[in-house]
Amino acid sequence: MIEMLVSISVTGVLLVIIAGWVHETLNCASLIKQRQRHHQNLTRLSGSLRDHVHECKSMAMDGAERLVLSRGDGTQATYTIAGNILHFEKRASQANGDPSVLMRDKFVLSPNSIVSWEMSEMPNWISLVVTRTREFGRPSPTVDPMPVDLHVRVAPNRWGPSLASSAATDNKNARSK
């Protein structure tokens, strides 16, 4: 009888341990999938931003959250920050002047991501910086409190003349006329 009580209690403890282990394994798998999606979106975002900025002829900021890229052929691409989501839209002007949407994309990042533009080197460079707050409340003195997930620094009109030199040339031509 005593042996039976001991075996039942040991079995109960083992079942609780197994249930906890399965629960933690599922939580870990969910966290890994979330981080994988975050890094896939960061990779897609950096490639898309590089391609569009390299082919643009001019760029401008519309507020602190919206980057507008113009190719010079009536095509315009915009990147808009909305919290941890970055929206992309590419438009082309039609013959009647109305813009038509060619492509849309949405880059959903981790909920604790902070997305910002670094504009100090415009018009020659634009930088997109994605940082994140610590997920756990325990700050570490040796670790940066705001780790950088992505920092993309891109030059517009990569294969043509720089925008600063073409703006200076335009100003010189305007003064000489």
C-alpha atoms as a PDB file:
ATOM      1  CA  MET A   1       0.000   0.000   0.000  1.00  0.00           C
ATOM      2  CA  ILE A   2       2.801   2.425   0.895  1.00  0.00           C
ATOM      3  CA  GLU A   3       4.631   1.489  -2.299  1.00  0.00           C
ATOM      4  CA  MET A   4       1.520   2.301  -4.301  1.00  0.00           C
ATOM      5  CA  LEU A   5       1.152   5.746  -2.669  1.00  0.00           C
ATOM      6  CA  VAL A   6       4.814   6.545  -3.338  1.00  0.00           C
ATOM      7  CA  SER A   7       4.568   5.465  -6.975  1.00  0.00           C
ATOM      8  CA  ILE A   8       1.379   7.520  -7.509  1.00  0.00           C
ATOM      9  CA  SER A   9       2.957  10.645  -6.003  1.00  0.00           C
ATOM     10  CA  VAL A  10       6.162  10.184  -8.045  1.00  0.00           C
ATOM     11  CA  THR A  11       4.075   9.712 -11.195  1.00  0.00           C
ATOM     12  CA  GLY A  12       2.153  12.921 -10.430  1.00  0.00           C
ATOM     13  CA  VAL A  13       5.376  14.874  -9.963  1.00  0.00           C
ATOM     14  CA  LEU A  14       6.773  13.488 -13.212  1.00  0.00           C
ATOM     15  CA  LEU A  15       3.583  14.458 -15.094  1.00  0.00           C
ATOM     16  CA  VAL A  16       3.793  18.029 -13.768  1.00  0.00           C
ATOM     17  CA  ILE A  17       7.454  18.258 -14.761  1.00  0.00           C
ATOM     18  CA  ILE A  18       6.696  16.927 -18.262  1.00  0.00           C
ATOM     19  CA  ALA A  19       3.756  19.334 -18.677  1.00  0.00           C
ATOM     20  CA  GLY A  20       5.984  22.275 -17.663  1.00  0.00           C
ATOM     21  CA  TRP A  21       8.703  21.157 -20.048  1.00  0.00           C
ATOM     22  CA  VAL A  22       6.232  20.889 -22.961  1.00  0.00           C
ATOM     23  CA  HIS A  23       4.806  24.325 -22.112  1.00  0.00           C
ATOM     24  CA  GLU A  24       8.262  25.962 -22.082  1.00  0.00           C
ATOM     25  CA  THR A  25       9.195  24.206 -25.334  1.00  0.00           C
ATOM     26  CA  LEU A  26       6.086  25.609 -27.040  1.00  0.00           C
ATOM     27  CA  ASN A  27       6.808  29.117 -25.684  1.00  0.00           C
ATOM     28  CA  CYS A  28      10.382  28.891 -26.946  1.00  0.00           C
ATOM     29  CA  ALA A  29       9.225  27.734 -30.398  1.00  0.00           C
ATOM     30  CA  SER A  30       6.775  30.653 -30.589  1.00  0.00           C
ATOM     31  CA  LEU A  31       9.499  33.142 -29.622  1.00  0.00           C
ATOM     32  CA  ILE A  32      11.881  31.687 -32.207  1.00  0.00           C
ATOM     33  CA  LYS A  33       9.222  31.992 -34.950  1.00  0.00           C
ATOM     34  CA  GLN A  34       8.511  35.600 -33.961  1.00  0.00           C
ATOM     35  CA  ARG A  35      12.215  36.514 -34.082  1.00  0.00           C
ATOM     36  CA  GLN A  36      12.623  34.691 -37.391  1.00  0.00           C
ATOM     37  CA  ARG A  37       9.757  36.727 -38.922  1.00  0.00           C
ATOM     38  CA  HIS A  38      11.302  39.918 -37.506  1.00  0.00           C
ATOM     39  CA  HIS A  39      14.701  39.202 -39.068  1.00  0.00           C
ATOM     40  CA  GLN A  40      13.154  38.128 -42.389  1.00  0.00           C
ATOM     41  CA  ASN A  41      11.282  41.438 -42.519  1.00  0.00           C
ATOM     42  CA  LEU A  42      14.478  43.332 -41.647  1.00  0.00           C
ATOM     43  CA  THR A  43      16.267  41.583 -44.523  1.00  0.00           C
ATOM     44  CA  ARG A  44      13.438  42.347 -46.976  1.00  0.00           C
ATOM     45  CA  LEU A  45      13.254  45.948 -45.755  1.00  0.00           C
ATOM     46  CA  SER A  46      16.972  46.629 -46.133  1.00  0.00           C
ATOM     47  CA  GLY A  47      17.039  45.175 -49.663  1.00  0.00           C
ATOM     48  CA  SER A  48      13.940  47.076 -50.759  1.00  0.00           C
ATOM     49  CA  LEU A  49      15.132  50.372 -49.288  1.00  0.00           C
ATOM     50  CA  ARG A  50      18.582  50.044 -50.867  1.00  0.00           C
ATOM     51  CA  ASP A  51      17.116  49.273 -54.299  1.00  0.00           C
ATOM     52  CA  HIS A  52      14.659  52.166 -54.255  1.00  0.00           C
ATOM     53  CA  VAL A  53      17.058  54.767 -52.859  1.00  0.00           C
ATOM     54  CA  HIS A  54      19.816  53.747 -55.297  1.00  0.00           C
ATOM     55  CA  GLU A  55      17.532  54.282 -58.296  1.00  0.00           C
ATOM     56  CA  CYS A  56      15.919  57.559 -57.133  1.00  0.00           C
ATOM     57  CA  LYS A  57      16.926  60.953 -58.524  1.00  0.00           C
ATOM     58  CA  SER A  58      15.676  62.946 -55.519  1.00  0.00           C
ATOM     59  CA  MET A  59      14.521  62.290 -51.988  1.00  0.00           C
ATOM     60  CA  ALA A  60      12.739  64.356 -49.388  1.00  0.00           C
ATOM     61  CA  MET A  61      11.328  63.936 -45.922  1.00  0.00           C
ATOM     62  CA  ASP A  62       7.623  64.614 -45.455  1.00  0.00           C
ATOM     63  CA  GLY A  63       7.577  65.002 -41.682  1.00  0.00           C
ATOM     64  CA  ALA A  64       9.726  62.814 -39.448  1.00  0.00           C
ATOM     65  CA  GLU A  65       8.144  59.511 -40.462  1.00  0.00           C
ATOM     66  CA  ARG A  66       7.779  59.657 -44.265  1.00  0.00           C
ATOM     67  CA  LEU A  67      10.542  59.370 -46.869  1.00  0.00           C
ATOM     68  CA  VAL A  68       9.566  60.269 -50.459  1.00  0.00           C
ATOM     69  CA  LEU A  69      11.792  59.030 -53.305  1.00  0.00           C
ATOM     70  CA  SER A  70      11.342  60.281 -56.883  1.00  0.00           C
ATOM     71  CA  ARG A  71      12.886  58.605 -59.904  1.00  0.00           C
ATOM     72  CA  GLY A  72      12.417  61.497 -62.310  1.00  0.00           C
ATOM     73  CA  ASP A  73      10.117  59.549 -64.659  1.00  0.00           C
ATOM     74  CA  GLY A  74       6.964  60.235 -62.635  1.00  0.00           C
ATOM     75  CA  THR A  75       7.452  57.220 -60.380  1.00  0.00           C
ATOM     76  CA  GLN A  76       7.460  57.920 -56.674  1.00  0.00           C
ATOM     77  CA  ALA A  77       8.172  55.571 -53.772  1.00  0.00           C
ATOM     78  CA  THR A  78       7.279  56.355 -50.163  1.00  0.00           C
ATOM     79  CA  TYR A  79       8.329  54.696 -46.919  1.00  0.00           C
ATOM     80  CA  THR A  80       6.148  55.610 -43.934  1.00  0.00           C
ATOM     81  CA  ILE A  81       6.864  54.657 -40.324  1.00  0.00           C
ATOM     82  CA  ALA A  82       3.826  53.797 -38.192  1.00  0.00           C
ATOM     83  CA  GLY A  83       5.057  52.488 -34.856  1.00  0.00           C
ATOM     84  CA  ASN A  84       6.785  49.168 -35.465  1.00  0.00           C
ATOM     85  CA  ILE A  85       5.379  48.889 -39.017  1.00  0.00           C
ATOM     86  CA  LEU A  86       6.992  50.418 -42.078  1.00  0.00           C
ATOM     87  CA  HIS A  87       4.654  50.891 -45.068  1.00  0.00           C
ATOM     88  CA  PHE A  88       6.003  51.053 -48.626  1.00  0.00           C
ATOM     89  CA  GLU A  89       4.058  52.335 -51.606  1.00  0.00           C
ATOM     90  CA  LYS A  90       5.199  52.890 -55.191  1.00  0.00           C
ATOM     91  CA  ARG A  91       3.120  55.160 -57.441  1.00  0.00           C
ATOM     92  CA  ALA A  92       3.372  56.213 -61.067  1.00  0.00           C
ATOM     93  CA  SER A  93       1.813  59.258 -62.693  1.00  0.00           C
ATOM     94  CA  GLN A  94      -0.621  58.502 -65.475  1.00  0.00           C
ATOM     95  CA  ALA A  95      -1.187  60.635 -68.579  1.00  0.00           C
ATOM     96  CA  ASN A  96      -4.151  62.393 -66.924  1.00  0.00           C
ATOM     97  CA  GLY A  97      -2.001  63.281 -63.885  1.00  0.00           C
ATOM     98  CA  ASP A  98      -3.634  60.862 -61.458  1.00  0.00           C
ATOM     99  CA  PRO A  99      -1.197  58.625 -59.584  1.00  0.00           C
ATOM    100  CA  SER A 100      -1.760  54.887 -59.777  1.00  0.00           C
ATOM    101  CA  VAL A 101      -0.434  52.483 -57.169  1.00  0.00           C
ATOM    102  CA  LEU A 102       2.044  50.030 -58.671  1.00  0.00           C
ATOM    103  CA  MET A 103       3.089  48.193 -55.546  1.00  0.00           C
ATOM    104  CA  ARG A 104       2.481  48.114 -51.789  1.00  0.00           C
ATOM    105  CA  ASP A 105       4.344  46.317 -49.061  1.00  0.00           C
ATOM    106  CA  LYS A 106       4.268  46.259 -45.288  1.00  0.00           C
ATOM    107  CA  PHE A 107       7.210  45.395 -43.053  1.00  0.00           C
ATOM    108  CA  VAL A 108       5.916  44.335 -39.636  1.00  0.00           C
ATOM    109  CA  LEU A 109       8.718  44.319 -37.090  1.00  0.00           C
ATOM    110  CA  SER A 110       8.877  43.131 -33.503  1.00  0.00           C
ATOM    111  CA  PRO A 111       6.467  44.980 -31.151  1.00  0.00           C
ATOM    112  CA  ASN A 112       9.375  46.393 -29.133  1.00  0.00           C
ATOM    113  CA  SER A 113      11.118  47.820 -32.242  1.00  0.00           C
ATOM    114  CA  ILE A 114      11.750  51.538 -32.638  1.00  0.00           C
ATOM    115  CA  VAL A 115      12.117  52.658 -36.270  1.00  0.00           C
ATOM    116  CA  SER A 116      13.604  56.055 -37.193  1.00  0.00           C
ATOM    117  CA  TRP A 117      15.234  57.939 -40.059  1.00  0.00           C
ATOM    118  CA  GLU A 118      18.689  59.505 -39.669  1.00  0.00           C
ATOM    119  CA  MET A 119      18.630  62.607 -41.886  1.00  0.00           C
ATOM    120  CA  SER A 120      21.806  64.445 -40.860  1.00  0.00           C
ATOM    121  CA  GLU A 121      23.602  63.657 -44.143  1.00  0.00           C
ATOM    122  CA  MET A 122      20.771  64.439 -46.569  1.00  0.00           C
ATOM    123  CA  PRO A 123      20.703  64.822 -49.576  1.00  0.00           C
ATOM    124  CA  ASN A 124      23.778  62.616 -50.063  1.00  0.00           C
ATOM    125  CA  TRP A 125      22.808  59.841 -47.636  1.00  0.00           C
ATOM    126  CA  ILE A 126      19.772  58.568 -45.765  1.00  0.00           C
ATOM    127  CA  SER A 127      19.886  56.073 -42.914  1.00  0.00           C
ATOM    128  CA  LEU A 128      17.194  53.841 -41.489  1.00  0.00           C
ATOM    129  CA  VAL A 129      17.801  52.709 -37.916  1.00  0.00           C
ATOM    130  CA  VAL A 130      15.832  49.961 -36.182  1.00  0.00           C
ATOM    131  CA  THR A 131      16.521  49.571 -32.472  1.00  0.00           C
ATOM    132  CA  ARG A 132      14.605  47.656 -29.845  1.00  0.00           C
ATOM    133  CA  THR A 133      13.936  47.961 -26.177  1.00  0.00           C
ATOM    134  CA  ARG A 134      14.954  45.169 -23.862  1.00  0.00           C
ATOM    135  CA  GLU A 135      12.373  42.405 -23.716  1.00  0.00           C
ATOM    136  CA  PHE A 136      13.117  41.575 -20.125  1.00  0.00           C
ATOM    137  CA  GLY A 137      13.146  44.117 -17.332  1.00  0.00           C
ATOM    138  CA  ARG A 138      16.646  43.290 -16.124  1.00  0.00           C
ATOM    139  CA  PRO A 139      19.151  45.820 -17.517  1.00  0.00           C
ATOM    140  CA  SER A 140      22.686  44.579 -17.886  1.00  0.00           C
ATOM    141  CA  PRO A 141      25.576  47.002 -17.286  1.00  0.00           C
ATOM    142  CA  THR A 142      27.670  45.383 -20.034  1.00  0.00           C
ATOM    143  CA  VAL A 143      24.992  45.294 -22.742  1.00  0.00           C
ATOM    144  CA  ASP A 144      23.730  48.271 -24.735  1.00  0.00           C
ATOM    145  CA  PRO A 145      20.240  49.144 -23.411  1.00  0.00           C
ATOM    146  CA  MET A 146      18.959  49.789 -26.973  1.00  0.00           C
ATOM    147  CA  PRO A 147      20.464  47.159 -29.283  1.00  0.00           C
ATOM    148  CA  VAL A 148      20.494  48.067 -32.981  1.00  0.00           C
ATOM    149  CA  ASP A 149      18.790  45.441 -35.143  1.00  0.00           C
ATOM    150  CA  LEU A 150      19.355  47.250 -38.437  1.00  0.00           C
ATOM    151  CA  HIS A 151      21.241  50.325 -39.637  1.00  0.00           C
ATOM    152  CA  VAL A 152      21.051  50.925 -43.385  1.00  0.00           C
ATOM    153  CA  ARG A 153      22.970  53.918 -44.794  1.00  0.00           C
ATOM    154  CA  VAL A 154      22.180  54.455 -48.478  1.00  0.00           C
ATOM    155  CA  ALA A 155      23.240  56.952 -51.144  1.00  0.00           C
ATOM    156  CA  PRO A 156      20.552  58.045 -53.622  1.00  0.00           C
ATOM    157  CA  ASN A 157      21.141  57.927 -57.371  1.00  0.00           C
ATOM    158  CA  ARG A 158      23.941  55.446 -56.761  1.00  0.00           C
ATOM    159  CA  TRP A 159      24.911  55.013 -60.398  1.00  0.00           C
ATOM    160  CA  GLY A 160      24.446  58.655 -61.442  1.00  0.00           C
ATOM    161  CA  PRO A 161      25.959  61.968 -60.255  1.00  0.00           C
ATOM    162  CA  SER A 162      25.557  62.787 -56.558  1.00  0.00           C
ATOM    163  CA  LEU A 163      22.541  64.896 -55.665  1.00  0.00           C
ATOM    164  CA  ALA A 164      24.655  67.548 -53.908  1.00  0.00           C
ATOM    165  CA  SER A 165      26.901  68.080 -56.949  1.00  0.00           C
ATOM    166  CA  SER A 166      23.919  68.166 -59.333  1.00  0.00           C
ATOM    167  CA  ALA A 167      22.148  70.695 -57.037  1.00  0.00           C
ATOM    168  CA  ALA A 168      25.304  72.854 -56.994  1.00  0.00           C
ATOM    169  CA  THR A 169      25.501  72.642 -60.799  1.00  0.00           C
ATOM    170  CA  ASP A 170      21.821  73.624 -61.085  1.00  0.00           C
ATOM    171  CA  ASN A 171      22.392  76.628 -58.777  1.00  0.00           C
ATOM    172  CA  LYS A 172      25.497  77.684 -60.780  1.00  0.00           C
ATOM    173  CA  ASN A 173      23.568  77.411 -64.062  1.00  0.00           C
ATOM    174  CA  ALA A 174      20.664  79.422 -62.632  1.00  0.00           C
ATOM    175  CA  ARG A 175      23.021  82.217 -61.462  1.00  0.00           C
ATOM    176  CA  SER A 176      24.805  82.432 -64.806  1.00  0.00           C
ATOM    177  CA  LYS A 177      21.540  82.929 -66.724  1.00  0.00           C
END
